[in-house]
Protein backbone atom coordinates (compact mmCIF):
# COMPACT_ATOMS: atom_id res chain seq x y z
CA MET A 1 0.00 0.00 0.00
CA THR A 2 2.91 2.35 0.73
CA ALA A 3 4.28 1.86 -2.77
CA LEU A 4 0.87 1.93 -4.46
CA LEU A 5 0.00 5.50 -3.51
CA PRO A 6 3.12 7.19 -4.97
CA LEU A 7 2.91 4.93 -8.05
CA LEU A 8 -0.69 5.98 -8.75
CA SER A 9 0.21 9.59 -8.05
CA GLY A 10 3.04 9.45 -10.58
CA LEU A 11 0.75 7.74 -13.10
CA GLY A 12 -1.92 10.44 -12.75
CA THR A 13 0.55 13.30 -12.91
CA GLY A 14 2.26 11.85 -15.95
CA LEU A 15 -1.01 11.35 -17.80
CA ALA A 16 -2.23 14.84 -16.95
CA LEU A 17 0.97 16.29 -18.36
CA ILE A 18 1.32 14.17 -21.50
CA VAL A 19 -2.28 13.78 -22.70
CA ALA A 20 -2.45 16.93 -24.81
CA ILE A 21 -2.34 17.91 -28.47
CA GLY A 22 1.32 18.44 -29.26
CA VAL A 23 3.76 17.98 -32.08
CA GLN A 24 4.95 14.61 -30.84
CA ASN A 25 1.45 13.20 -30.43
CA THR A 26 0.32 14.63 -33.78
CA TYR A 27 3.17 13.02 -35.69
CA LEU A 28 2.69 9.69 -33.91
CA LEU A 29 -0.97 9.70 -34.96
CA ARG A 30 0.08 10.36 -38.56
CA LEU A 31 2.40 7.35 -38.43
CA ALA A 32 -0.34 5.24 -36.87
CA VAL A 33 -2.64 5.71 -39.86
CA SER A 34 -0.06 5.67 -42.65
CA ALA A 35 2.93 3.53 -41.63
CA ARG A 36 3.54 -0.19 -41.21
CA LEU A 37 3.02 -1.78 -37.81
CA ALA A 38 6.77 -2.22 -37.29
CA VAL A 39 7.37 1.50 -37.93
CA VAL A 40 4.62 2.47 -35.49
CA ALA A 41 6.01 0.12 -32.83
CA VAL A 42 9.50 1.64 -33.13
CA ALA A 43 8.07 5.17 -33.00
CA VAL A 44 6.12 4.31 -29.84
CA ALA A 45 9.30 2.88 -28.31
CA VAL A 46 11.27 6.04 -29.21
CA CYS A 47 8.68 8.25 -27.51
CA ALA A 48 8.34 6.09 -24.40
CA LEU A 49 12.07 5.50 -23.92
CA SER A 50 12.86 9.19 -24.47
CA ASP A 51 10.34 10.20 -21.82
CA ALA A 52 11.62 7.53 -19.44
CA ALA A 53 15.23 8.69 -19.85
CA LEU A 54 14.31 12.34 -19.29
CA ILE A 55 12.15 11.60 -16.24
CA VAL A 56 14.83 9.45 -14.60
CA ALA A 57 17.43 12.11 -15.37
CA GLY A 58 15.21 14.70 -13.72
CA VAL A 59 14.87 12.56 -10.61
CA LEU A 60 18.66 12.23 -10.49
CA GLY A 61 19.03 16.00 -10.48
CA VAL A 62 19.87 16.79 -14.09
CA GLY A 63 16.98 19.26 -14.15
CA ALA A 64 18.84 21.57 -11.79
CA VAL A 65 21.82 21.57 -14.15
CA VAL A 66 19.62 22.37 -17.14
CA GLU A 67 18.12 25.35 -15.33
CA ARG A 68 21.61 26.77 -14.82
CA VAL A 69 22.51 26.51 -18.53
CA PRO A 70 19.86 28.59 -20.33
CA ALA A 71 22.06 28.90 -23.45
CA ALA A 72 21.57 25.20 -24.20
CA LEU A 73 17.80 25.54 -24.11
CA LEU A 74 18.06 28.65 -26.28
CA VAL A 75 19.81 26.72 -29.04
CA VAL A 76 17.30 23.88 -28.78
CA ARG A 77 14.46 26.39 -28.91
CA PHE A 78 15.52 27.99 -32.20
CA VAL A 79 16.35 24.64 -33.84
CA GLY A 80 13.00 23.24 -32.79
CA ALA A 81 11.13 26.36 -33.93
CA ALA A 82 12.72 26.22 -37.39
CA PHE A 83 11.83 22.54 -37.78
CA LEU A 84 8.25 23.02 -36.58
CA LEU A 85 7.63 26.02 -38.84
CA THR A 86 9.00 24.14 -41.85
CA TYR A 87 6.88 21.08 -41.13
CA GLY A 88 3.83 23.27 -40.53
CA VAL A 89 4.25 25.05 -43.87
CA LEU A 90 4.54 21.69 -45.67
CA ALA A 91 1.39 20.42 -43.93
CA ALA A 92 -0.49 23.60 -44.87
CA ARG A 93 0.62 23.17 -48.46
CA ARG A 94 -0.72 19.60 -48.50
CA ALA A 95 -4.04 20.80 -47.11
CA LEU A 96 -4.42 23.72 -49.55
CA ARG A 97 -3.09 21.88 -52.62
CA PRO A 98 -4.22 18.27 -52.16
CA SER A 99 -2.86 15.52 -54.37
CA GLY A 100 -5.68 13.05 -53.69
CA ASP A 101 -3.65 11.23 -51.06
CA ALA A 102 -5.18 8.31 -49.24
CA VAL A 103 -3.82 5.46 -47.19
CA ARG A 104 -2.96 2.41 -49.31
CA LEU A 105 -4.79 -0.43 -47.57
CA ASP A 106 -3.43 -3.60 -49.14
CA ASP A 107 -2.55 -7.14 -48.10
CA ARG A 108 0.20 -5.87 -45.79
CA ALA A 109 -2.37 -3.93 -43.77
CA ALA A 110 -4.42 -7.11 -43.49
CA GLU A 111 -1.35 -8.95 -42.19
CA ASP A 112 -1.03 -6.30 -39.49
CA GLY A 113 -4.49 -7.22 -38.29
CA VAL A 114 -6.02 -3.89 -39.30
CA PRO A 115 -9.51 -3.80 -40.85
CA VAL A 116 -9.02 -3.27 -44.57
CA ALA A 117 -11.27 -0.71 -46.21
CA ALA A 118 -12.09 -0.38 -49.88
CA PRO A 119 -9.10 0.71 -51.97
CA THR A 120 -8.91 4.05 -53.69
CA THR A 121 -11.75 4.48 -56.20
CA MET A 122 -11.00 5.15 -59.86
CA ASP A 123 -12.32 8.40 -61.18
CA ALA A 124 -14.42 8.67 -64.35
CA THR A 125 -11.43 9.50 -66.55
CA THR A 126 -9.48 6.44 -65.43
CA ALA A 127 -12.53 4.19 -65.82
CA LEU A 128 -13.19 5.51 -69.33
CA ALA A 129 -9.57 4.99 -70.39
CA THR A 130 -9.59 1.45 -68.96
CA THR A 131 -12.81 0.61 -70.77
CA ALA A 132 -11.47 1.94 -74.06
CA ALA A 133 -8.31 -0.12 -73.69
CA ASP A 134 -10.32 -3.24 -72.90
CA ALA A 135 -12.54 -2.64 -75.90
CA ALA A 136 -9.58 -2.17 -78.26
CA ALA A 137 -7.83 -5.34 -77.13
CA GLY A 138 -10.94 -7.42 -76.53
CA PRO A 139 -12.70 -10.04 -78.65
CA ALA A 140 -14.69 -7.37 -80.50
CA ALA A 141 -11.57 -6.54 -82.56
CA ASP A 142 -11.87 -9.91 -84.34
CA VAL A 143 -15.34 -9.21 -85.73
CA GLY A 144 -15.40 -9.26 -89.57
CA SER A 145 -11.86 -10.59 -89.91
CA GLY A 146 -13.04 -13.96 -91.15
CA THR A 147 -11.20 -15.72 -88.31
CA ALA A 148 -13.10 -17.35 -85.52
CA GLY A 149 -11.49 -15.95 -82.40
CA PRO A 150 -12.36 -16.76 -78.82
CA ALA A 151 -15.41 -14.53 -79.03
CA SER A 152 -16.96 -16.78 -81.71
CA ASP A 153 -17.37 -19.55 -79.19
CA VAL A 154 -19.99 -17.57 -77.36
CA SER A 155 -23.48 -18.56 -78.42
CA PRO A 156 -25.91 -15.84 -79.48
CA GLY A 157 -28.02 -16.42 -76.42
CA THR A 158 -25.14 -16.13 -73.99
CA ALA A 159 -24.16 -12.81 -72.52
CA GLY A 160 -20.46 -12.38 -73.20
CA PRO A 161 -18.12 -9.78 -71.74
CA ALA A 162 -19.38 -6.27 -72.42
CA SER A 163 -17.18 -3.70 -74.08
CA GLY A 164 -17.36 -0.14 -75.33
CA PRO A 165 -19.65 2.52 -73.84
CA ALA A 166 -22.09 -0.12 -72.66
CA ALA A 167 -19.42 -1.59 -70.43
CA LEU A 168 -18.81 1.77 -68.79
CA GLU A 169 -22.50 2.12 -68.04
CA ALA A 170 -22.68 -1.44 -66.74
CA ARG A 171 -19.77 -1.01 -64.38
CA PRO A 172 -20.65 0.33 -60.93
CA ALA A 173 -19.34 3.76 -60.07
CA SER A 174 -17.35 2.34 -57.17
CA THR A 175 -15.11 0.16 -59.33
CA SER A 176 -11.73 0.10 -57.60
CA ARG A 177 -8.27 -1.14 -58.22
CA THR A 178 -5.65 -1.95 -55.67
CA ALA A 179 -2.03 -1.05 -56.27
CA PRO A 180 0.27 -4.09 -56.31
CA PRO A 181 2.04 -4.83 -53.01
CA GLY A 182 5.14 -2.73 -52.60
CA ARG A 183 3.98 -0.10 -55.10
CA VAL A 184 2.05 3.08 -54.56
CA GLY A 185 -0.74 3.61 -57.06
CA PRO A 186 -2.63 6.76 -58.07
CA GLY A 187 -4.32 8.52 -55.21
CA THR A 188 -2.35 6.77 -52.47
CA THR A 189 0.19 8.12 -50.04
CA ALA A 190 3.58 6.48 -49.57
CA ALA A 191 4.14 5.00 -46.12
CA PRO A 192 6.99 6.61 -44.14
CA THR A 193 10.16 4.55 -44.00
CA MET A 194 11.62 3.37 -40.71
CA ARG A 195 14.59 5.73 -40.95
CA ALA A 196 12.51 8.80 -41.80
CA ALA A 197 9.97 8.07 -39.07
CA VAL A 198 12.58 7.54 -36.35
CA LEU A 199 14.66 10.60 -37.28
CA THR A 200 11.60 12.86 -37.45
CA MET A 201 10.28 11.56 -34.14
CA LEU A 202 13.67 12.11 -32.48
CA VAL A 203 13.68 15.73 -33.67
CA PHE A 204 10.11 16.32 -32.47
CA THR A 205 11.03 14.84 -29.09
CA TRP A 206 14.49 16.19 -28.35
CA ALA A 207 14.39 19.54 -30.20
CA ASN A 208 11.48 20.74 -28.11
CA PRO A 209 12.63 22.71 -25.05
CA HIS A 210 9.26 22.20 -23.37
CA VAL A 211 9.96 18.49 -23.02
CA TYR A 212 12.98 19.31 -20.85
CA LEU A 213 10.98 21.68 -18.69
CA ASP A 214 8.15 19.15 -18.32
CA THR A 215 10.27 16.07 -17.59
CA LEU A 216 13.67 17.13 -16.28
CA VAL A 217 12.46 20.11 -14.25
CA PHE A 218 8.79 19.64 -13.36
CA LEU A 219 8.44 15.85 -13.04
CA GLY A 220 11.93 15.53 -11.57
CA SER A 221 11.20 18.09 -8.85
CA VAL A 222 7.80 16.59 -8.02
CA ALA A 223 9.32 13.12 -7.77
CA ASN A 224 12.01 14.31 -5.38
CA GLN A 225 9.33 15.73 -3.11
CA GLN A 226 7.95 12.24 -2.48
CA GLY A 227 10.75 11.11 -0.20
CA VAL A 228 13.84 8.97 -0.66
CA ASP A 229 12.03 5.66 -1.15
CA GLU A 230 8.68 6.77 -2.57
CA ARG A 231 10.20 8.90 -5.33
CA TRP A 232 11.22 5.87 -7.36
CA TRP A 233 7.73 4.36 -7.16
CA TRP A 234 6.40 7.75 -8.25
CA THR A 235 8.87 7.69 -11.17
CA VAL A 236 7.69 4.21 -12.19
CA GLY A 237 4.14 5.56 -12.33
CA ALA A 238 5.18 8.57 -14.45
CA VAL A 239 7.12 6.35 -16.88
CA ALA A 240 4.15 3.94 -17.07
CA ALA A 241 1.93 6.88 -18.00
CA SER A 242 4.14 7.65 -21.00
CA CYS A 243 4.16 4.02 -22.11
CA LEU A 244 0.38 3.73 -21.79
CA TRP A 245 -0.35 6.95 -23.64
CA PHE A 246 2.04 6.47 -26.54
CA GLY A 247 1.02 2.83 -26.91
CA ALA A 248 -2.67 3.70 -26.97
CA LEU A 249 -2.13 6.54 -29.44
CA GLY A 250 0.16 4.57 -31.77
CA PHE A 251 -1.62 1.22 -31.84
CA GLY A 252 -5.14 2.50 -31.18
CA GLY A 253 -4.77 5.13 -33.89
CA ARG A 254 -4.44 2.37 -36.48
CA LEU A 255 -8.16 1.75 -36.11
CA LEU A 256 -8.67 5.02 -37.97
CA ARG A 257 -6.97 3.73 -41.13
CA PRO A 258 -10.25 3.03 -42.99
CA LEU A 259 -11.27 6.64 -42.36
CA PHE A 260 -7.99 7.89 -43.84
CA ALA A 261 -8.61 5.93 -47.03
CA ARG A 262 -10.61 9.01 -48.08
CA PRO A 263 -8.51 11.93 -49.41
CA VAL A 264 -10.75 14.54 -47.75
CA THR A 265 -9.79 13.17 -44.33
CA TRP A 266 -6.11 13.83 -45.09
CA ARG A 267 -6.93 17.44 -46.04
CA VAL A 268 -8.64 18.04 -42.70
CA PHE A 269 -5.89 16.26 -40.78
CA ASP A 270 -3.09 18.15 -42.57
CA ALA A 271 -4.88 21.42 -41.82
CA LEU A 272 -4.95 20.54 -38.11
CA VAL A 273 -1.30 19.46 -38.24
CA ALA A 274 -0.37 22.78 -39.84
CA VAL A 275 -2.17 24.73 -37.11
CA VAL A 276 -0.47 22.73 -34.33
CA MET A 277 3.02 22.86 -35.84
CA LEU A 278 2.90 26.56 -36.75
CA ALA A 279 1.43 27.52 -33.37
CA PHE A 280 4.12 25.65 -31.43
CA GLY A 281 6.81 26.96 -33.78
CA VAL A 282 5.75 30.56 -33.18
CA ILE A 283 5.55 29.95 -29.43
CA LEU A 284 9.11 28.62 -29.41
CA LEU A 285 10.33 31.43 -31.61
CA VAL A 286 8.99 34.19 -29.37
CA GLY A 287 10.22 32.38 -26.28
CA ALA A 288 6.87 31.80 -24.60
């Protein structure tokens, strides 16, 4: 019971501090709906381990050292602000000038255990071009040639494969095609690679001066107020809060993948990402 109280206190404090809309959480959600399961798992591990290292360092007294070296935080602040502003501008550009992006839900997504939604739908132009190509190469090209092709085996009373404009009318409007595994087709967004995801997540985590103030200074000082023995149980609770939150956001966010198969969802999401990134970038730049 003595250990349970500080552990629950650390868990509650950690969750109250970390459960918020921030650059780290926003990018992790983007990976959750667009990247492979292995990439999401590594990103979750990067976030959780980074928080754990910073919290433990704060308990050991590193936070006091950081407070005495404001120049280090100043450099981190400007580097982080530049990165956030750049990322925010790119997100705003994707929202204002969409390219029809959507998550490619193929057999690899099914292997991850994620519900697979309908693939990206062909537009009318693509469907018309496909129908024309089928008509040109189909059995109808053999009519009148004097040679009995495969189409001649079809009896007059049997409905053979339709071609030409009639085929376009007969096809449902939701005709879809899935890009081959390992290839990104029209209207799909390329999944982030492991290297790009990890490097970007490390920048979002370690180039944000607020993470040092929240973990090294704030959580470290609160933990040290718990007493010599209880502070480590409190630290375990705070670290567990980070693991629970990032795990829920990364793996739970994958349930939204069918929703992100629609390009309009990406436009809305990129607009929100742009607002978050630009707002935090400006806040860092002005030193708030």
